[in-house]
PDB file of N, CA and C in Angstrom:
ATOM      1  N   MET A   1       0.845  -1.178   0.000  1.00  0.00           N
ATOM      2  CA  MET A   1       0.000   0.000   0.000  1.00  0.00           C
ATOM      3  C   MET A   1       0.890   1.240   0.000  1.00  0.00           C
ATOM      4  N   ASP A   2       0.546   2.172  -0.831  1.00  0.00           N
ATOM      5  CA  ASP A   2       1.308   3.396  -0.959  1.00  0.00           C
ATOM      6  C   ASP A   2       0.725   4.453  -0.019  1.00  0.00           C
ATOM      7  N   PHE A   3       1.477   4.804   1.031  1.00  0.00           N
ATOM      8  CA  PHE A   3       0.972   5.764   2.009  1.00  0.00           C
ATOM      9  C   PHE A   3       0.921   7.177   1.451  1.00  0.00           C
ATOM     10  N   HIS A   4       1.746   7.486   0.495  1.00  0.00           N
ATOM     11  CA  HIS A   4       1.677   8.805  -0.121  1.00  0.00           C
ATOM     12  C   HIS A   4       0.349   8.990  -0.857  1.00  0.00           C
ATOM     13  N   GLN A   5      -0.091   7.970  -1.550  1.00  0.00           N
ATOM     14  CA  GLN A   5      -1.374   8.041  -2.245  1.00  0.00           C
ATOM     15  C   GLN A   5      -2.522   8.149  -1.240  1.00  0.00           C
ATOM     16  N   LEU A   6      -2.435   7.385  -0.148  1.00  0.00           N
ATOM     17  CA  LEU A   6      -3.461   7.469   0.890  1.00  0.00           C
ATOM     18  C   LEU A   6      -3.497   8.864   1.499  1.00  0.00           C
ATOM     19  N   TRP A   7      -2.325   9.433   1.784  1.00  0.00           N
ATOM     20  CA  TRP A   7      -2.274  10.779   2.338  1.00  0.00           C
ATOM     21  C   TRP A   7      -2.830  11.796   1.341  1.00  0.00           C
ATOM     22  N   THR A   8      -2.558  11.627   0.070  1.00  0.00           N
ATOM     23  CA  THR A   8      -3.083  12.533  -0.945  1.00  0.00           C
ATOM     24  C   THR A   8      -4.611  12.488  -0.981  1.00  0.00           C
ATOM     25  N   ILE A   9      -5.158  11.312  -0.852  1.00  0.00           N
ATOM     26  CA  ILE A   9      -6.624  11.179  -0.857  1.00  0.00           C
ATOM     27  C   ILE A   9      -7.225  11.767   0.413  1.00  0.00           C
ATOM     28  N   LEU A  10      -6.626  11.456   1.554  1.00  0.00           N
ATOM     29  CA  LEU A  10      -7.183  11.913   2.826  1.00  0.00           C
ATOM     30  C   LEU A  10      -7.015  13.407   3.048  1.00  0.00           C
ATOM     31  N   SER A  11      -6.000  14.007   2.463  1.00  0.00           N
ATOM     32  CA  SER A  11      -5.747  15.424   2.712  1.00  0.00           C
ATOM     33  C   SER A  11      -6.402  16.350   1.693  1.00  0.00           C
ATOM     34  N   THR A  12      -7.166  15.820   0.762  1.00  0.00           N
ATOM     35  CA  THR A  12      -7.885  16.715  -0.142  1.00  0.00           C
ATOM     36  C   THR A  12      -8.931  17.483   0.655  1.00  0.00           C
ATOM     37  N   PRO A  13      -9.191  18.730   0.310  1.00  0.00           N
ATOM     38  CA  PRO A  13     -10.114  19.544   1.100  1.00  0.00           C
ATOM     39  C   PRO A  13     -11.512  18.942   1.248  1.00  0.00           C
ATOM     40  N   ASP A  14     -11.954  18.136   0.294  1.00  0.00           N
ATOM     41  CA  ASP A  14     -13.270  17.511   0.421  1.00  0.00           C
ATOM     42  C   ASP A  14     -13.295  16.446   1.513  1.00  0.00           C
ATOM     43  N   ASN A  15     -12.169  15.780   1.732  1.00  0.00           N
ATOM     44  CA  ASN A  15     -12.135  14.651   2.661  1.00  0.00           C
ATOM     45  C   ASN A  15     -11.696  15.014   4.065  1.00  0.00           C
ATOM     46  N   VAL A  16     -11.218  16.226   4.297  1.00  0.00           N
ATOM     47  CA  VAL A  16     -10.749  16.619   5.628  1.00  0.00           C
ATOM     48  C   VAL A  16     -11.863  16.509   6.677  1.00  0.00           C
ATOM     49  N   PRO A  17     -13.089  16.989   6.437  1.00  0.00           N
ATOM     50  CA  PRO A  17     -14.129  16.832   7.463  1.00  0.00           C
ATOM     51  C   PRO A  17     -14.461  15.367   7.751  1.00  0.00           C
ATOM     52  N   ILE A  18     -14.409  14.524   6.748  1.00  0.00           N
ATOM     53  CA  ILE A  18     -14.718  13.105   6.965  1.00  0.00           C
ATOM     54  C   ILE A  18     -13.648  12.464   7.841  1.00  0.00           C
ATOM     55  N   VAL A  19     -12.393  12.794   7.589  1.00  0.00           N
ATOM     56  CA  VAL A  19     -11.309  12.251   8.406  1.00  0.00           C
ATOM     57  C   VAL A  19     -11.426  12.759   9.839  1.00  0.00           C
ATOM     58  N   MET A  20     -11.770  14.032  10.002  1.00  0.00           N
ATOM     59  CA  MET A  20     -11.952  14.576  11.354  1.00  0.00           C
ATOM     60  C   MET A  20     -13.097  13.877  12.073  1.00  0.00           C
ATOM     61  N   LEU A  21     -14.186  13.595  11.362  1.00  0.00           N
ATOM     62  CA  LEU A  21     -15.306  12.886  11.987  1.00  0.00           C
ATOM     63  C   LEU A  21     -14.923  11.477  12.404  1.00  0.00           C
ATOM     64  N   LEU A  22     -14.070  10.816  11.614  1.00  0.00           N
ATOM     65  CA  LEU A  22     -13.619   9.474  11.973  1.00  0.00           C
ATOM     66  C   LEU A  22     -12.835   9.469  13.284  1.00  0.00           C
ATOM     67  N   ILE A  23     -12.247  10.591  13.643  1.00  0.00           N
ATOM     68  CA  ILE A  23     -11.499  10.696  14.894  1.00  0.00           C
ATOM     69  C   ILE A  23     -12.384  11.225  16.020  1.00  0.00           C
ATOM     70  N   VAL A  24     -13.170  12.253  15.753  1.00  0.00           N
ATOM     71  CA  VAL A  24     -13.912  12.955  16.793  1.00  0.00           C
ATOM     72  C   VAL A  24     -15.113  12.145  17.293  1.00  0.00           C
ATOM     73  N   VAL A  25     -15.850  11.505  16.415  1.00  0.00           N
ATOM     74  CA  VAL A  25     -17.057  10.776  16.830  1.00  0.00           C
ATOM     75  C   VAL A  25     -16.740   9.617  17.776  1.00  0.00           C
ATOM     76  N   PRO A  26     -15.758   8.755  17.492  1.00  0.00           N
ATOM     77  CA  PRO A  26     -15.456   7.704  18.477  1.00  0.00           C
ATOM     78  C   PRO A  26     -14.948   8.255  19.810  1.00  0.00           C
ATOM     79  N   PHE A  27     -14.160   9.351  19.769  1.00  0.00           N
ATOM     80  CA  PHE A  27     -13.667   9.918  21.024  1.00  0.00           C
ATOM     81  C   PHE A  27     -14.813  10.417  21.896  1.00  0.00           C
ATOM     82  N   TYR A  28     -15.729  11.196  21.332  1.00  0.00           N
ATOM     83  CA  TYR A  28     -16.819  11.729  22.141  1.00  0.00           C
ATOM     84  C   TYR A  28     -17.834  10.659  22.509  1.00  0.00           C
ATOM     85  N   THR A  29     -17.951   9.608  21.715  1.00  0.00           N
ATOM     86  CA  THR A  29     -18.794   8.479  22.107  1.00  0.00           C
ATOM     87  C   THR A  29     -18.199   7.798  23.328  1.00  0.00           C
ATOM     88  N   TRP A  30     -16.890   7.546  23.297  1.00  0.00           N
ATOM     89  CA  TRP A  30     -16.221   6.964  24.462  1.00  0.00           C
ATOM     90  C   TRP A  30     -16.336   7.881  25.683  1.00  0.00           C
ATOM     91  N   TYR A  31     -16.127   9.174  25.488  1.00  0.00           N
ATOM     92  CA  TYR A  31     -16.169  10.121  26.602  1.00  0.00           C
ATOM     93  C   TYR A  31     -17.571  10.189  27.209  1.00  0.00           C
ATOM     94  N   GLY A  32     -18.595  10.215  26.381  1.00  0.00           N
ATOM     95  CA  GLY A  32     -19.970  10.252  26.879  1.00  0.00           C
ATOM     96  C   GLY A  32     -20.339   8.976  27.619  1.00  0.00           C
ATOM     97  N   LEU A  33     -19.939   7.814  27.081  1.00  0.00           N
ATOM     98  CA  LEU A  33     -20.224   6.552  27.766  1.00  0.00           C
ATOM     99  C   LEU A  33     -19.460   6.456  29.081  1.00  0.00           C
ATOM    100  N   ARG A  34     -18.226   6.935  29.109  1.00  0.00           N
ATOM    101  CA  ARG A  34     -17.444   6.932  30.349  1.00  0.00           C
ATOM    102  C   ARG A  34     -18.125   7.782  31.416  1.00  0.00           C
ATOM    103  N   GLN A  35     -18.606   8.959  31.024  1.00  0.00           N
ATOM    104  CA  GLN A  35     -19.284   9.841  31.977  1.00  0.00           C
ATOM    105  C   GLN A  35     -20.611   9.241  32.433  1.00  0.00           C
ATOM    106  N   SER A  36     -21.339   8.598  31.541  1.00  0.00           N
ATOM    107  CA  SER A  36     -22.616   8.002  31.930  1.00  0.00           C
ATOM    108  C   SER A  36     -22.411   6.838  32.894  1.00  0.00           C
ATOM    109  N   PHE A  37     -21.358   6.031  32.678  1.00  0.00           N
ATOM    110  CA  PHE A  37     -21.076   4.942  33.614  1.00  0.00           C
ATOM    111  C   PHE A  37     -20.655   5.485  34.977  1.00  0.00           C
ATOM    112  N   ALA A  38     -19.892   6.581  34.991  1.00  0.00           N
ATOM    113  CA  ALA A  38     -19.508   7.195  36.266  1.00  0.00           C
ATOM    114  C   ALA A  38     -20.735   7.737  36.985  1.00  0.00           C
ATOM    115  N   ASN A  39     -21.669   8.331  36.250  1.00  0.00           N
ATOM    116  CA  ASN A  39     -22.902   8.828  36.867  1.00  0.00           C
ATOM    117  C   ASN A  39     -23.752   7.675  37.396  1.00  0.00           C
ATOM    118  N   ASP A  40     -23.810   6.566  36.670  1.00  0.00           N
ATOM    119  CA  ASP A  40     -24.566   5.411  37.149  1.00  0.00           C
ATOM    120  C   ASP A  40     -23.963   4.842  38.430  1.00  0.00           C
ATOM    121  N   ARG A  41     -22.633   4.799  38.494  1.00  0.00           N
ATOM    122  CA  ARG A  41     -21.985   4.323  39.724  1.00  0.00           C
ATOM    123  C   ARG A  41     -22.276   5.266  40.887  1.00  0.00           C
ATOM    124  N   LEU A  42     -22.277   6.573  40.622  1.00  0.00           N
ATOM    125  CA  LEU A  42     -22.572   7.545  41.672  1.00  0.00           C
ATOM    126  C   LEU A  42     -24.012   7.419  42.147  1.00  0.00           C
ATOM    127  N   ILE A  43     -24.949   7.209  41.234  1.00  0.00           N
ATOM    128  CA  ILE A  43     -26.354   7.032  41.615  1.00  0.00           C
ATOM    129  C   ILE A  43     -26.525   5.797  42.479  1.00  0.00           C
ATOM    130  N   ALA A  44     -25.876   4.700  42.103  1.00  0.00           N
ATOM    131  CA  ALA A  44     -25.968   3.478  42.911  1.00  0.00           C
ATOM    132  C   ALA A  44     -25.346   3.689  44.285  1.00  0.00           C
ATOM    133  N   GLN A  45     -24.256   4.442  44.351  1.00  0.00           N
ATOM    134  CA  GLN A  45     -23.600   4.700  45.632  1.00  0.00           C
ATOM    135  C   GLN A  45     -24.477   5.589  46.519  1.00  0.00           C
ATOM    136  N   LEU A  46     -25.122   6.592  45.935  1.00  0.00           N
ATOM    137  CA  LEU A  46     -25.978   7.475  46.723  1.00  0.00           C
ATOM    138  C   LEU A  46     -27.265   6.781  47.154  1.00  0.00           C
ATOM    139  N   GLU A  47     -27.781   5.861  46.333  1.00  0.00           N
ATOM    140  CA  GLU A  47     -28.968   5.109  46.732  1.00  0.00           C
ATOM    141  C   GLU A  47     -28.656   4.150  47.881  1.00  0.00           C
ATOM    142  N   ALA A  48     -27.438   3.645  47.932  1.00  0.00           N
ATOM    143  CA  ALA A  48     -27.067   2.713  48.996  1.00  0.00           C
ATOM    144  C   ALA A  48     -26.803   3.430  50.317  1.00  0.00           C
ATOM    145  N   ASP A  49     -26.412   4.697  50.275  1.00  0.00           N
ATOM    146  CA  ASP A  49     -26.092   5.442  51.497  1.00  0.00           C
ATOM    147  C   ASP A  49     -26.950   6.706  51.565  1.00  0.00           C
ATOM    148  N   PRO A  50     -28.103   6.675  52.284  1.00  0.00           N
ATOM    149  CA  PRO A  50     -28.995   7.838  52.317  1.00  0.00           C
ATOM    150  C   PRO A  50     -28.378   9.053  53.009  1.00  0.00           C
ATOM    151  N   VAL A  51     -27.468   8.844  53.957  1.00  0.00           N
ATOM    152  CA  VAL A  51     -26.830   9.983  54.628  1.00  0.00           C
ATOM    153  C   VAL A  51     -25.925  10.725  53.639  1.00  0.00           C
ATOM    154  N   MET A  52     -25.199   9.965  52.853  1.00  0.00           N
ATOM    155  CA  MET A  52     -24.330  10.581  51.842  1.00  0.00           C
ATOM    156  C   MET A  52     -25.152  11.278  50.759  1.00  0.00           C
ATOM    157  N   ALA A  53     -26.331  10.749  50.470  1.00  0.00           N
ATOM    158  CA  ALA A  53     -27.181  11.346  49.432  1.00  0.00           C
ATOM    159  C   ALA A  53     -27.640  12.742  49.827  1.00  0.00           C
ATOM    160  N   LYS A  54     -27.755  13.021  51.136  1.00  0.00           N
ATOM    161  CA  LYS A  54     -28.196  14.347  51.579  1.00  0.00           C
ATOM    162  C   LYS A  54     -27.056  15.358  51.563  1.00  0.00           C
ATOM    163  N   THR A  55     -25.830  14.899  51.690  1.00  0.00           N
ATOM    164  CA  THR A  55     -24.708  15.836  51.785  1.00  0.00           C
ATOM    165  C   THR A  55     -23.832  15.872  50.536  1.00  0.00           C
ATOM    166  N   HIS A  56     -23.907  14.879  49.688  1.00  0.00           N
ATOM    167  CA  HIS A  56     -23.028  14.824  48.509  1.00  0.00           C
ATOM    168  C   HIS A  56     -23.482  15.843  47.469  1.00  0.00           C
ATOM    169  N   HIS A  57     -22.551  16.379  46.724  1.00  0.00           N
ATOM    170  CA  HIS A  57     -22.876  17.425  45.749  1.00  0.00           C
ATOM    171  C   HIS A  57     -23.299  16.870  44.395  1.00  0.00           C
ATOM    172  N   ARG A  58     -23.433  15.578  44.261  1.00  0.00           N
ATOM    173  CA  ARG A  58     -23.969  14.886  43.089  1.00  0.00           C
ATOM    174  C   ARG A  58     -23.177  15.125  41.808  1.00  0.00           C
ATOM    175  N   LYS A  59     -21.889  15.163  41.941  1.00  0.00           N
ATOM    176  CA  LYS A  59     -20.996  15.222  40.788  1.00  0.00           C
ATOM    177  C   LYS A  59     -19.998  14.088  40.924  1.00  0.00           C
ATOM    178  N   THR A  60     -19.503  13.613  39.788  1.00  0.00           N
ATOM    179  CA  THR A  60     -18.556  12.501  39.848  1.00  0.00           C
ATOM    180  C   THR A  60     -17.176  12.968  40.294  1.00  0.00           C
ATOM    181  N   GLN A  61     -16.865  14.252  40.095  1.00  0.00           N
ATOM    182  CA  GLN A  61     -15.579  14.764  40.550  1.00  0.00           C
ATOM    183  C   GLN A  61     -15.681  15.095  42.043  1.00  0.00           C
ATOM    184  N   PRO A  62     -14.590  14.965  42.780  1.00  0.00           N
ATOM    185  CA  PRO A  62     -14.645  15.283  44.206  1.00  0.00           C
ATOM    186  C   PRO A  62     -14.827  16.778  44.432  1.00  0.00           C
ATOM    187  N   TRP A  63     -15.462  17.112  45.552  1.00  0.00           N
ATOM    188  CA  TRP A  63     -15.722  18.516  45.888  1.00  0.00           C
ATOM    189  C   TRP A  63     -14.428  19.196  46.284  1.00  0.00           C
ATOM    190  N   ARG A  64     -14.218  20.396  45.771  1.00  0.00           N
ATOM    191  CA  ARG A  64     -13.038  21.177  46.139  1.00  0.00           C
ATOM    192  C   ARG A  64     -13.486  22.383  46.956  1.00  0.00           C
ATOM    193  N   PRO A  65     -12.794  22.697  48.019  1.00  0.00           N
ATOM    194  CA  PRO A  65     -13.228  23.814  48.879  1.00  0.00           C
ATOM    195  C   PRO A  65     -13.203  25.166  48.177  1.00  0.00           C
ATOM    196  N   GLU A  66     -12.369  25.345  47.160  1.00  0.00           N
ATOM    197  CA  GLU A  66     -12.310  26.661  46.509  1.00  0.00           C
ATOM    198  C   GLU A  66     -13.474  26.899  45.544  1.00  0.00           C
ATOM    199  N   TRP A  67     -14.284  25.893  45.299  1.00  0.00           N
ATOM    200  CA  TRP A  67     -15.445  26.068  44.426  1.00  0.00           C
ATOM    201  C   TRP A  67     -16.511  26.903  45.127  1.00  0.00           C
ATOM    202  N   ALA A  68     -17.192  27.702  44.373  1.00  0.00           N
ATOM    203  CA  ALA A  68     -18.279  28.510  44.930  1.00  0.00           C
ATOM    204  C   ALA A  68     -19.497  27.623  45.178  1.00  0.00           C
ATOM    205  N   ARG A  69     -20.209  27.916  46.252  1.00  0.00           N
ATOM    206  CA  ARG A  69     -21.404  27.137  46.567  1.00  0.00           C
ATOM    207  C   ARG A  69     -22.524  27.439  45.582  1.00  0.00           C
ATOM    208  N   GLU A  70     -22.657  28.697  45.200  1.00  0.00           N
ATOM    209  CA  GLU A  70     -23.694  29.101  44.250  1.00  0.00           C
ATOM    210  C   GLU A  70     -23.026  29.796  43.070  1.00  0.00           C
ATOM    211  N   ILE A  71     -23.479  29.460  41.899  1.00  0.00           N
ATOM    212  CA  ILE A  71     -22.976  30.108  40.690  1.00  0.00           C
ATOM    213  C   ILE A  71     -24.162  30.739  39.983  1.00  0.00           C
ATOM    214  N   HIS A  72     -24.039  32.023  39.717  1.00  0.00           N
ATOM    215  CA  HIS A  72     -25.100  32.711  39.001  1.00  0.00           C
ATOM    216  C   HIS A  72     -24.968  32.394  37.518  1.00  0.00           C
ATOM    217  N   VAL A  73     -25.994  31.806  36.970  1.00  0.00           N
ATOM    218  CA  VAL A  73     -25.912  31.286  35.606  1.00  0.00           C
ATOM    219  C   VAL A  73     -25.967  32.388  34.561  1.00  0.00           C
ATOM    220  N   TRP A  74     -26.801  33.384  34.771  1.00  0.00           N
ATOM    221  CA  TRP A  74     -27.093  34.333  33.709  1.00  0.00           C
ATOM    222  C   TRP A  74     -25.846  34.997  33.125  1.00  0.00           C
ATOM    223  N   PRO A  75     -25.046  35.749  33.855  1.00  0.00           N
ATOM    224  CA  PRO A  75     -23.950  36.411  33.129  1.00  0.00           C
ATOM    225  C   PRO A  75     -22.786  35.476  32.816  1.00  0.00           C
ATOM    226  N   PHE A  76     -22.496  34.525  33.699  1.00  0.00           N
ATOM    227  CA  PHE A  76     -21.288  33.720  33.540  1.00  0.00           C
ATOM    228  C   PHE A  76     -21.433  32.672  32.439  1.00  0.00           C
ATOM    229  N   LEU A  77     -22.529  31.920  32.466  1.00  0.00           N
ATOM    230  CA  LEU A  77     -22.731  30.900  31.443  1.00  0.00           C
ATOM    231  C   LEU A  77     -22.908  31.529  30.070  1.00  0.00           C
ATOM    232  N   LEU A  78     -23.607  32.654  30.020  1.00  0.00           N
ATOM    233  CA  LEU A  78     -23.802  33.332  28.744  1.00  0.00           C
ATOM    234  C   LEU A  78     -22.471  33.815  28.184  1.00  0.00           C
ATOM    235  N   ARG A  79     -21.587  34.292  29.038  1.00  0.00           N
ATOM    236  CA  ARG A  79     -20.280  34.757  28.586  1.00  0.00           C
ATOM    237  C   ARG A  79     -19.464  33.595  28.022  1.00  0.00           C
ATOM    238  N   ILE A  80     -19.488  32.464  28.690  1.00  0.00           N
ATOM    239  CA  ILE A  80     -18.738  31.299  28.217  1.00  0.00           C
ATOM    240  C   ILE A  80     -19.288  30.813  26.878  1.00  0.00           C
ATOM    241  N   GLU A  81     -20.612  30.734  26.760  1.00  0.00           N
ATOM    242  CA  GLU A  81     -21.210  30.280  25.501  1.00  0.00           C
ATOM    243  C   GLU A  81     -20.942  31.274  24.375  1.00  0.00           C
ATOM    244  N   PHE A  82     -20.962  32.559  24.678  1.00  0.00           N
ATOM    245  CA  PHE A  82     -20.686  33.568  23.660  1.00  0.00           C
ATOM    246  C   PHE A  82     -19.244  33.468  23.177  1.00  0.00           C
ATOM    247  N   LEU A  83     -18.310  33.300  24.103  1.00  0.00           N
ATOM    248  CA  LEU A  83     -16.914  33.138  23.709  1.00  0.00           C
ATOM    249  C   LEU A  83     -16.703  31.867  22.895  1.00  0.00           C
ATOM    250  N   ALA A  84     -17.382  30.781  23.273  1.00  0.00           N
ATOM    251  CA  ALA A  84     -17.270  29.538  22.504  1.00  0.00           C
ATOM    252  C   ALA A  84     -17.807  29.728  21.086  1.00  0.00           C
ATOM    253  N   ALA A  85     -18.912  30.453  20.950  1.00  0.00           N
ATOM    254  CA  ALA A  85     -19.472  30.703  19.617  1.00  0.00           C
ATOM    255  C   ALA A  85     -18.533  31.559  18.771  1.00  0.00           C
ATOM    256  N   ILE A  86     -17.910  32.553  19.374  1.00  0.00           N
ATOM    257  CA  ILE A  86     -16.965  33.403  18.632  1.00  0.00           C
ATOM    258  C   ILE A  86     -15.740  32.596  18.206  1.00  0.00           C
ATOM    259  N   ILE A  87     -15.199  31.793  19.123  1.00  0.00           N
ATOM    260  CA  ILE A  87     -14.014  30.991  18.800  1.00  0.00           C
ATOM    261  C   ILE A  87     -14.331  29.988  17.694  1.00  0.00           C
ATOM    262  N   LEU A  88     -15.486  29.338  17.782  1.00  0.00           N
ATOM    263  CA  LEU A  88     -15.867  28.377  16.745  1.00  0.00           C
ATOM    264  C   LEU A  88     -16.074  29.074  15.398  1.00  0.00           C
ATOM    265  N   THR A  89     -16.656  30.258  15.406  1.00  0.00           N
ATOM    266  CA  THR A  89     -16.830  31.016  14.170  1.00  0.00           C
ATOM    267  C   THR A  89     -15.483  31.371  13.552  1.00  0.00           C
ATOM    268  N   ILE A  90     -14.529  31.775  14.381  1.00  0.00           N
ATOM    269  CA  ILE A  90     -13.196  32.106  13.867  1.00  0.00           C
ATOM    270  C   ILE A  90     -12.523  30.863  13.289  1.00  0.00           C
ATOM    271  N   ILE A  91     -12.642  29.730  13.987  1.00  0.00           N
ATOM    272  CA  ILE A  91     -12.046  28.484  13.483  1.00  0.00           C
ATOM    273  C   ILE A  91     -12.647  28.107  12.131  1.00  0.00           C
ATOM    274  N   LEU A  92     -13.967  28.192  12.016  1.00  0.00           N
ATOM    275  CA  LEU A  92     -14.613  27.849  10.748  1.00  0.00           C
ATOM    276  C   LEU A  92     -14.240  28.818   9.633  1.00  0.00           C
ATOM    277  N   MET A  93     -14.080  30.101   9.966  1.00  0.00           N
ATOM    278  CA  MET A  93     -13.678  31.065   8.945  1.00  0.00           C
ATOM    279  C   MET A  93     -12.258  30.788   8.458  1.00  0.00           C
ATOM    280  N   VAL A  94     -11.339  30.519   9.386  1.00  0.00           N
ATOM    281  CA  VAL A  94      -9.961  30.211   8.995  1.00  0.00           C
ATOM    282  C   VAL A  94      -9.927  28.927   8.184  1.00  0.00           C
ATOM    283  N   TRP A  95     -10.699  27.949   8.610  1.00  0.00           N
ATOM    284  CA  TRP A  95     -10.750  26.677   7.896  1.00  0.00           C
ATOM    285  C   TRP A  95     -11.260  26.884   6.467  1.00  0.00           C
ATOM    286  N   SER A  96     -12.336  27.656   6.316  1.00  0.00           N
ATOM    287  CA  SER A  96     -12.898  27.845   4.979  1.00  0.00           C
ATOM    288  C   SER A  96     -11.980  28.669   4.082  1.00  0.00           C
ATOM    289  N   ILE A  97     -11.147  29.519   4.662  1.00  0.00           N
ATOM    290  CA  ILE A  97     -10.220  30.310   3.853  1.00  0.00           C
ATOM    291  C   ILE A  97      -9.003  29.481   3.463  1.00  0.00           C
ATOM    292  N   THR A  98      -8.488  28.691   4.392  1.00  0.00           N
ATOM    293  CA  THR A  98      -7.241  27.956   4.111  1.00  0.00           C
ATOM    294  C   THR A  98      -7.465  26.714   3.253  1.00  0.00           C
ATOM    295  N   LEU A  99      -8.574  26.016   3.442  1.00  0.00           N
ATOM    296  CA  LEU A  99      -8.842  24.830   2.629  1.00  0.00           C
ATOM    297  C   LEU A  99      -9.665  25.249   1.422  1.00  0.00           C
ATOM    298  N   ASN A 100      -9.104  25.109   0.284  1.00  0.00           N
ATOM    299  CA  ASN A 100      -9.764  25.529  -0.945  1.00  0.00           C
ATOM    300  C   ASN A 100     -10.554  24.345  -1.511  1.00  0.00           C
ATOM    301  N   ALA A 101     -11.692  24.067  -0.882  1.00  0.00           N
ATOM    302  CA  ALA A 101     -12.523  22.958  -1.343  1.00  0.00           C
ATOM    303  C   ALA A 101     -13.213  23.356  -2.647  1.00  0.00           C
ATOM    304  N   PRO A 102     -13.258  22.454  -3.610  1.00  0.00           N
ATOM    305  CA  PRO A 102     -13.897  22.801  -4.882  1.00  0.00           C
ATOM    306  C   PRO A 102     -15.411  22.919  -4.729  1.00  0.00           C
ATOM    307  N   LEU A 103     -15.966  23.866  -5.411  1.00  0.00           N
ATOM    308  CA  LEU A 103     -17.411  24.053  -5.427  1.00  0.00           C
ATOM    309  C   LEU A 103     -17.966  23.505  -6.734  1.00  0.00           C
ATOM    310  N   GLU A 104     -19.279  23.352  -6.762  1.00  0.00           N
ATOM    311  CA  GLU A 104     -19.888  22.935  -8.024  1.00  0.00           C
ATOM    312  C   GLU A 104     -19.808  24.081  -9.016  1.00  0.00           C
ATOM    313  N   GLU A 105     -19.835  23.725 -10.257  1.00  0.00           N
ATOM    314  CA  GLU A 105     -19.769  24.757 -11.287  1.00  0.00           C
ATOM    315  C   GLU A 105     -21.041  25.605 -11.246  1.00  0.00           C
ATOM    316  N   PRO A 106     -20.958  26.858 -11.695  1.00  0.00           N
ATOM    317  CA  PRO A 106     -22.146  27.715 -11.698  1.00  0.00           C
ATOM    318  C   PRO A 106     -23.258  27.130 -12.567  1.00  0.00           C
ATOM    319  N   ALA A 107     -24.484  27.447 -12.194  1.00  0.00           N
ATOM    320  CA  ALA A 107     -25.637  26.917 -12.918  1.00  0.00           C
ATOM    321  C   ALA A 107     -25.650  27.453 -14.351  1.00  0.00           C
ATOM    322  N   ASN A 108     -26.030  26.581 -15.286  1.00  0.00           N
ATOM    323  CA  ASN A 108     -26.127  26.950 -16.690  1.00  0.00           C
ATOM    324  C   ASN A 108     -27.606  26.891 -17.078  1.00  0.00           C
ATOM    325  N   PRO A 109     -28.237  28.049 -17.341  1.00  0.00           N
ATOM    326  CA  PRO A 109     -29.675  28.040 -17.639  1.00  0.00           C
ATOM    327  C   PRO A 109     -30.009  27.401 -18.987  1.00  0.00           C
ATOM    328  N   THR A 110     -29.027  27.234 -19.856  1.00  0.00           N
ATOM    329  CA  THR A 110     -29.320  26.642 -21.163  1.00  0.00           C
ATOM    330  C   THR A 110     -29.217  25.125 -21.145  1.00  0.00           C
ATOM    331  N   LEU A 111     -28.744  24.559 -20.059  1.00  0.00           N
ATOM    332  CA  LEU A 111     -28.554  23.120 -19.972  1.00  0.00           C
ATOM    333  C   LEU A 111     -29.526  22.549 -18.950  1.00  0.00           C
ATOM    334  N   THR A 112     -30.349  21.606 -19.361  1.00  0.00           N
ATOM    335  CA  THR A 112     -31.288  20.979 -18.426  1.00  0.00           C
ATOM    336  C   THR A 112     -30.685  19.686 -17.892  1.00  0.00           C
ATOM    337  N   MET A 113     -31.114  19.327 -16.677  1.00  0.00           N
ATOM    338  CA  MET A 113     -30.616  18.099 -16.075  1.00  0.00           C
ATOM    339  C   MET A 113     -31.169  16.886 -16.794  1.00  0.00           C
ATOM    340  N   ASN A 114     -30.446  15.805 -16.705  1.00  0.00           N
ATOM    341  CA  ASN A 114     -30.929  14.542 -17.215  1.00  0.00           C
ATOM    342  C   ASN A 114     -32.030  14.064 -16.250  1.00  0.00           C
ATOM    343  N   PRO A 115     -33.259  13.894 -16.711  1.00  0.00           N
ATOM    344  CA  PRO A 115     -34.328  13.536 -15.770  1.00  0.00           C
ATOM    345  C   PRO A 115     -34.145  12.161 -15.139  1.00  0.00           C
ATOM    346  N   SER A 116     -33.339  11.322 -15.738  1.00  0.00           N
ATOM    347  CA  SER A 116     -33.128  10.009 -15.129  1.00  0.00           C
ATOM    348  C   SER A 116     -32.235  10.110 -13.891  1.00  0.00           C
ATOM    349  N   LYS A 117     -31.590  11.236 -13.693  1.00  0.00           N
ATOM    350  CA  LYS A 117     -30.755  11.423 -12.504  1.00  0.00           C
ATOM    351  C   LYS A 117     -31.471  12.218 -11.432  1.00  0.00           C
ATOM    352  N   ALA A 118     -32.680  12.619 -11.677  1.00  0.00           N
ATOM    353  CA  ALA A 118     -33.422  13.378 -10.674  1.00  0.00           C
ATOM    354  C   ALA A 118     -33.810  12.464  -9.519  1.00  0.00           C
ATOM    355  N   PRO A 119     -33.756  12.963  -8.287  1.00  0.00           N
ATOM    356  CA  PRO A 119     -34.028  12.105  -7.137  1.00  0.00           C
ATOM    357  C   PRO A 119     -35.462  11.575  -7.113  1.00  0.00           C
ATOM    358  N   TRP A 120     -36.422  12.354  -7.635  1.00  0.00           N
ATOM    359  CA  TRP A 120     -37.805  11.905  -7.588  1.00  0.00           C
ATOM    360  C   TRP A 120     -38.114  10.843  -8.656  1.00  0.00           C
ATOM    361  N   TYR A 121     -37.151  10.634  -9.562  1.00  0.00           N
ATOM    362  CA  TYR A 121     -37.344   9.640 -10.596  1.00  0.00           C
ATOM    363  C   TYR A 121     -37.386   8.234 -10.008  1.00  0.00           C
ATOM    364  N   PHE A 122     -36.688   8.027  -8.891  1.00  0.00           N
ATOM    365  CA  PHE A 122     -36.574   6.690  -8.323  1.00  0.00           C
ATOM    366  C   PHE A 122     -37.657   6.404  -7.294  1.00  0.00           C
ATOM    367  N   LEU A 123     -38.562   7.321  -7.051  1.00  0.00           N
ATOM    368  CA  LEU A 123     -39.640   7.072  -6.057  1.00  0.00           C
ATOM    369  C   LEU A 123     -40.720   6.198  -6.601  1.00  0.00           C
TER     370      LEU A 123
END
């Protein structure tokens, strides 16, 4: 197998999102399942010990004394989500500028589509 040819195919701008999905989807699936199993273990532990259920903070991570007891959601969470949206927008803009993915050719009004290739033809 020629790895240069494989790299050429995988690094074309059309295939970059597919390759990223092949990496990102299994990672976040594993991460979500890991967190759900940790939450299930915590629920079973809290159901077995009613005294702990009244005092435990119901998170899988241990409680740290420097954490605030109450967090005001409105300004803080909105600020974090706004910054995440801006950062993601910048990443997508840089990505779309640097990767020159080919677009379809402009529409030609004098050329009609082959009706046998129309999606409703196969219904």
